[in-house]
């Protein structure tokens, strides 16, 4: 199976692994495509004025810019992508507390869509960076670029896999699935939730790491804590499970 997941705008700084290289990213043969975006990002940071960079980062206070202006994507240390990202979903996933066998499962089966670095596996080594969701690098839209260049490889990579797509809306732009998949929606008192959806996506991934379903029937047998299925909607390739938050 494969789980498709979103990154986070908040990230852990630092790292104890060497700088980014082709062999520690998904599709090493496409590393030059990532380098193209990384170099564009680095050049942009050097050329643009402070208000423009604040918009790129999504930072309001100029005093908060210092660390981010010193980013060096090519030489900064790295860490696993799943450890790099923080925020609500990753707090509830709590990868560091999982047993090694479950961490290994996520390393190999959790697919993340970075708005700067493109599609990644949880185990891939990435540097710290800052880029607000949906922001372009000048006139350049990374999501369109990665969708164009990586779609054929992702099609082949995901072929015949049982797929659970837990991406937030923006990250659907990076890759459109062309085979059957399962997705999930979370409601409370009949209304779709937003902030808590992030928390429950994290909790769901944690539970999936434990049960490791290989097909939809196995997925249906999982009891997700604090969630109850109220409806299943099918539309073309998508099967959407609607969960009521019960706690």
Protein backbone atom coordinates (compact mmCIF):
# COMPACT_ATOMS: atom_id res chain seq x y z
CA UNK A 1 0.00 0.00 0.00
CA UNK A 2 0.94 3.65 -0.26
CA UNK A 3 -0.29 6.64 1.77
CA UNK A 4 -0.25 10.07 0.13
CA UNK A 5 0.28 12.86 2.66
CA UNK A 6 0.90 16.60 2.91
CA UNK A 7 4.03 18.30 4.29
CA UNK A 8 3.90 21.10 6.84
CA UNK A 9 4.90 24.75 6.70
CA UNK A 10 6.53 24.37 10.12
CA UNK A 11 9.72 22.34 10.31
CA UNK A 12 12.45 21.20 12.65
CA UNK A 13 15.71 23.04 12.04
CA UNK A 14 19.17 21.48 11.80
CA UNK A 15 19.88 17.86 11.00
CA UNK A 16 22.49 15.17 11.54
CA UNK A 17 22.72 13.79 8.00
CA UNK A 18 24.86 15.01 5.05
CA UNK A 19 23.54 17.56 2.52
CA UNK A 20 20.87 16.52 0.04
CA UNK A 21 21.91 14.18 -2.77
CA UNK A 22 20.25 12.15 -5.49
CA UNK A 23 20.45 8.76 -3.79
CA UNK A 24 18.41 9.86 -0.79
CA UNK A 25 15.48 11.24 -2.77
CA UNK A 26 12.67 9.48 -4.61
CA UNK A 27 13.52 8.90 -8.29
CA UNK A 28 17.27 9.67 -8.15
CA UNK A 29 17.33 9.94 -11.93
CA UNK A 30 15.17 13.06 -11.63
CA UNK A 31 17.38 14.82 -9.11
CA UNK A 32 18.39 17.44 -11.65
CA UNK A 33 14.74 18.51 -11.85
CA UNK A 34 14.75 19.18 -8.10
CA UNK A 35 18.08 20.99 -8.36
CA UNK A 36 16.54 23.32 -10.94
CA UNK A 37 13.85 24.39 -8.45
CA UNK A 38 16.27 24.55 -5.54
CA UNK A 39 18.64 26.82 -7.46
CA UNK A 40 15.77 29.05 -8.52
CA UNK A 41 14.71 29.32 -4.87
CA UNK A 42 18.25 30.14 -3.70
CA UNK A 43 18.71 32.78 -6.40
CA UNK A 44 15.35 34.31 -5.50
CA UNK A 45 16.38 34.68 -1.85
CA UNK A 46 19.53 36.56 -2.91
CA UNK A 47 17.86 38.85 -5.43
CA UNK A 48 14.57 39.96 -3.91
CA UNK A 49 13.76 42.63 -1.34
CA UNK A 50 12.62 41.94 2.21
CA UNK A 51 8.84 42.40 1.64
CA UNK A 52 8.97 39.93 -1.27
CA UNK A 53 10.83 37.36 0.83
CA UNK A 54 8.39 37.85 3.71
CA UNK A 55 5.56 36.96 1.34
CA UNK A 56 7.45 33.91 0.04
CA UNK A 57 8.04 32.65 3.57
CA UNK A 58 4.69 33.71 4.98
CA UNK A 59 6.47 35.67 7.72
CA UNK A 60 5.12 39.03 8.88
CA UNK A 61 7.87 40.23 11.22
CA UNK A 62 11.15 41.19 9.61
CA UNK A 63 12.89 40.15 12.84
CA UNK A 64 11.80 36.54 12.20
CA UNK A 65 13.58 36.38 8.85
CA UNK A 66 17.18 35.94 9.99
CA UNK A 67 17.34 32.13 10.13
CA UNK A 68 15.45 31.69 6.89
CA UNK A 69 17.64 34.12 4.96
CA UNK A 70 20.65 31.92 5.77
CA UNK A 71 19.15 28.80 4.15
CA UNK A 72 21.57 26.91 1.90
CA UNK A 73 19.67 24.01 0.36
CA UNK A 74 22.77 22.46 -1.18
CA UNK A 75 25.06 22.51 1.87
CA UNK A 76 22.83 22.51 4.96
CA UNK A 77 22.50 19.25 6.91
CA UNK A 78 19.47 17.07 6.30
CA UNK A 79 17.15 14.77 8.21
CA UNK A 80 14.41 12.35 7.23
CA UNK A 81 11.47 14.19 5.69
CA UNK A 82 9.08 12.69 8.22
CA UNK A 83 11.23 14.11 11.02
CA UNK A 84 11.73 17.46 9.31
CA UNK A 85 8.03 18.35 9.22
CA UNK A 86 6.21 19.41 12.36
CA UNK A 87 2.76 20.91 12.95
CA UNK A 88 -0.57 19.44 14.00
CA UNK A 89 -0.67 16.38 11.74
CA UNK A 90 2.91 15.40 12.54
CA UNK A 91 2.42 15.99 16.26
CA UNK A 92 -0.48 13.53 16.27
CA UNK A 93 1.38 11.08 14.06
CA UNK A 94 4.29 11.24 16.54
CA UNK A 95 6.65 9.20 14.35
CA UNK A 96 9.54 9.12 16.89
CA UNK A 97 7.41 7.20 19.41
CA UNK A 98 6.40 4.43 16.98
CA UNK A 99 8.02 0.99 17.19
CA UNK A 100 10.83 0.55 14.66
CA UNK A 101 8.80 -1.84 12.52
CA UNK A 102 6.07 0.76 12.14
CA UNK A 103 8.60 3.52 11.44
CA UNK A 104 10.12 1.33 8.73
CA UNK A 105 6.69 0.83 7.20
CA UNK A 106 6.10 4.58 6.97
CA UNK A 107 9.63 5.18 5.67
CA UNK A 108 8.81 2.99 2.67
CA UNK A 109 5.11 3.68 2.17
CA UNK A 110 4.34 7.28 3.16
CA UNK A 111 4.59 9.57 0.14
CA UNK A 112 4.92 13.31 0.88
CA UNK A 113 4.47 16.20 -1.53
CA UNK A 114 6.85 19.05 -0.73
CA UNK A 115 5.92 22.39 -2.26
CA UNK A 116 9.62 23.00 -2.91
CA UNK A 117 11.21 19.58 -3.38
CA UNK A 118 8.35 17.67 -4.98
CA UNK A 119 7.30 14.06 -4.22
CA UNK A 120 9.31 12.37 -1.48
CA UNK A 121 9.24 9.25 0.62
CA UNK A 122 9.15 9.68 4.39
CA UNK A 123 12.70 8.29 4.62
CA UNK A 124 14.22 10.76 2.14
CA UNK A 125 16.82 13.21 3.45
CA UNK A 126 15.88 16.87 3.05
CA UNK A 127 17.26 20.20 4.31
CA UNK A 128 15.36 22.85 6.23
CA UNK A 129 13.49 25.31 4.01
CA UNK A 130 10.68 27.84 4.23
CA UNK A 131 8.00 28.32 1.58
CA UNK A 132 4.41 29.31 2.25
CA UNK A 133 1.78 26.98 0.82
CA UNK A 134 0.65 28.15 -2.60
CA UNK A 135 3.38 30.77 -3.05
CA UNK A 136 5.19 30.96 -6.37
CA UNK A 137 8.90 31.61 -6.78
CA UNK A 138 8.43 34.71 -8.88
CA UNK A 139 6.22 33.51 -11.73
CA UNK A 140 7.24 29.88 -11.23
CA UNK A 141 4.68 27.46 -9.73
CA UNK A 142 6.49 24.38 -8.33
CA UNK A 143 3.30 22.29 -8.18
CA UNK A 144 2.79 22.61 -11.95
CA UNK A 145 6.43 21.83 -12.66
CA UNK A 146 6.48 18.70 -10.51
CA UNK A 147 3.13 17.56 -11.87
CA UNK A 148 4.49 17.83 -15.39
CA UNK A 149 7.82 16.09 -14.80
CA UNK A 150 7.02 13.47 -12.17
CA UNK A 151 3.56 12.20 -13.15
CA UNK A 152 4.76 9.33 -15.41
CA UNK A 153 7.14 8.05 -12.72
CA UNK A 154 4.48 8.27 -10.01
CA UNK A 155 1.98 6.47 -12.23
CA UNK A 156 4.40 3.57 -12.54
CA UNK A 157 5.51 3.71 -8.89
CA UNK A 158 1.93 3.49 -7.60
CA UNK A 159 0.62 1.01 -10.13
CA UNK A 160 -1.37 -1.82 -8.52
CA UNK A 161 -0.85 -0.39 -5.01
CA UNK A 162 -3.69 0.05 -2.53
CA UNK A 163 -3.69 3.83 -2.10
CA UNK A 164 -5.02 6.01 0.71
CA UNK A 165 -4.89 9.68 -0.23
CA UNK A 166 -4.80 11.94 2.85
CA UNK A 167 -3.44 15.05 1.14
CA UNK A 168 -4.88 18.49 1.84
CA UNK A 169 -6.49 20.15 -1.16
CA UNK A 170 -3.53 22.22 -2.37
CA UNK A 171 -1.24 19.19 -2.66
CA UNK A 172 -3.61 17.41 -5.04
CA UNK A 173 -2.15 19.78 -7.67
CA UNK A 174 1.19 17.96 -7.58
CA UNK A 175 -0.22 14.67 -8.83
CA UNK A 176 -3.59 13.37 -10.02
CA UNK A 177 -4.28 9.72 -9.32
CA UNK A 178 -5.30 7.58 -12.29
CA UNK A 179 -6.27 4.42 -10.40
CA UNK A 180 -8.76 3.56 -7.63
CA UNK A 181 -7.98 5.07 -4.25
CA UNK A 182 -9.47 5.66 -0.81
CA UNK A 183 -9.74 9.05 0.83
CA UNK A 184 -11.23 10.24 4.13
CA UNK A 185 -13.32 13.21 5.27
CA UNK A 186 -13.83 14.19 8.91
CA UNK A 187 -17.01 15.82 10.22
CA UNK A 188 -18.22 17.02 13.61
CA UNK A 189 -21.90 17.68 14.26
CA UNK A 190 -22.53 17.30 10.55
CA UNK A 191 -19.91 19.87 9.48
CA UNK A 192 -16.57 19.29 7.80
CA UNK A 193 -13.69 20.24 10.11
CA UNK A 194 -10.43 21.89 9.00
CA UNK A 195 -7.98 22.27 11.91
CA UNK A 196 -8.99 18.97 13.46
CA UNK A 197 -8.79 17.26 10.08
CA UNK A 198 -5.01 17.74 10.32
CA UNK A 199 -4.96 16.08 13.74
CA UNK A 200 -7.03 13.13 12.59
CA UNK A 201 -5.01 12.66 9.44
CA UNK A 202 -1.98 12.31 11.70
CA UNK A 203 -3.78 9.87 13.98
CA UNK A 204 -4.99 7.88 10.99
CA UNK A 205 -1.46 7.53 9.58
CA UNK A 206 -0.28 6.36 12.99
CA UNK A 207 -3.01 3.70 13.05
CA UNK A 208 -2.26 2.66 9.46
CA UNK A 209 1.38 2.15 10.42
CA UNK A 210 0.19 -0.30 13.07
CA UNK A 211 -2.26 -2.29 10.92
CA UNK A 212 -0.63 -1.90 7.49
CA UNK A 213 -3.70 -2.76 5.38
CA UNK A 214 -2.94 -4.11 1.93
CA UNK A 215 -6.41 -3.71 0.46
CA UNK A 216 -9.69 -1.92 1.10
CA UNK A 217 -11.24 -4.85 2.96
CA UNK A 218 -8.39 -4.79 5.49
CA UNK A 219 -8.78 -1.01 5.74
CA UNK A 220 -12.49 -1.42 6.56
CA UNK A 221 -11.63 -3.75 9.43
CA UNK A 222 -9.56 -1.08 11.23
CA UNK A 223 -11.15 0.68 14.18
CA UNK A 224 -9.87 4.25 14.21
CA UNK A 225 -9.95 5.72 17.71
CA UNK A 226 -12.40 8.61 18.07
CA UNK A 227 -13.87 8.08 14.59
CA UNK A 228 -16.97 6.36 13.28
CA UNK A 229 -17.86 5.77 9.61
CA UNK A 230 -21.18 7.41 8.74
CA UNK A 231 -21.10 7.18 4.96
CA UNK A 232 -19.09 5.83 2.03
CA UNK A 233 -19.31 7.70 -1.26
CA UNK A 234 -17.98 6.34 -4.55
CA UNK A 235 -17.21 8.57 -7.53
CA UNK A 236 -15.23 7.21 -10.48
CA UNK A 237 -11.81 6.26 -9.06
CA UNK A 238 -12.40 7.74 -5.57
CA UNK A 239 -13.95 5.97 -2.60
CA UNK A 240 -14.46 8.52 0.17
CA UNK A 241 -15.04 7.38 3.75
CA UNK A 242 -16.83 10.03 5.80
CA UNK A 243 -15.96 9.77 9.50
CA UNK A 244 -17.79 11.42 12.37
CA UNK A 245 -15.46 12.60 15.13
CA UNK A 246 -16.85 10.98 18.26
CA UNK A 247 -14.33 12.20 20.86
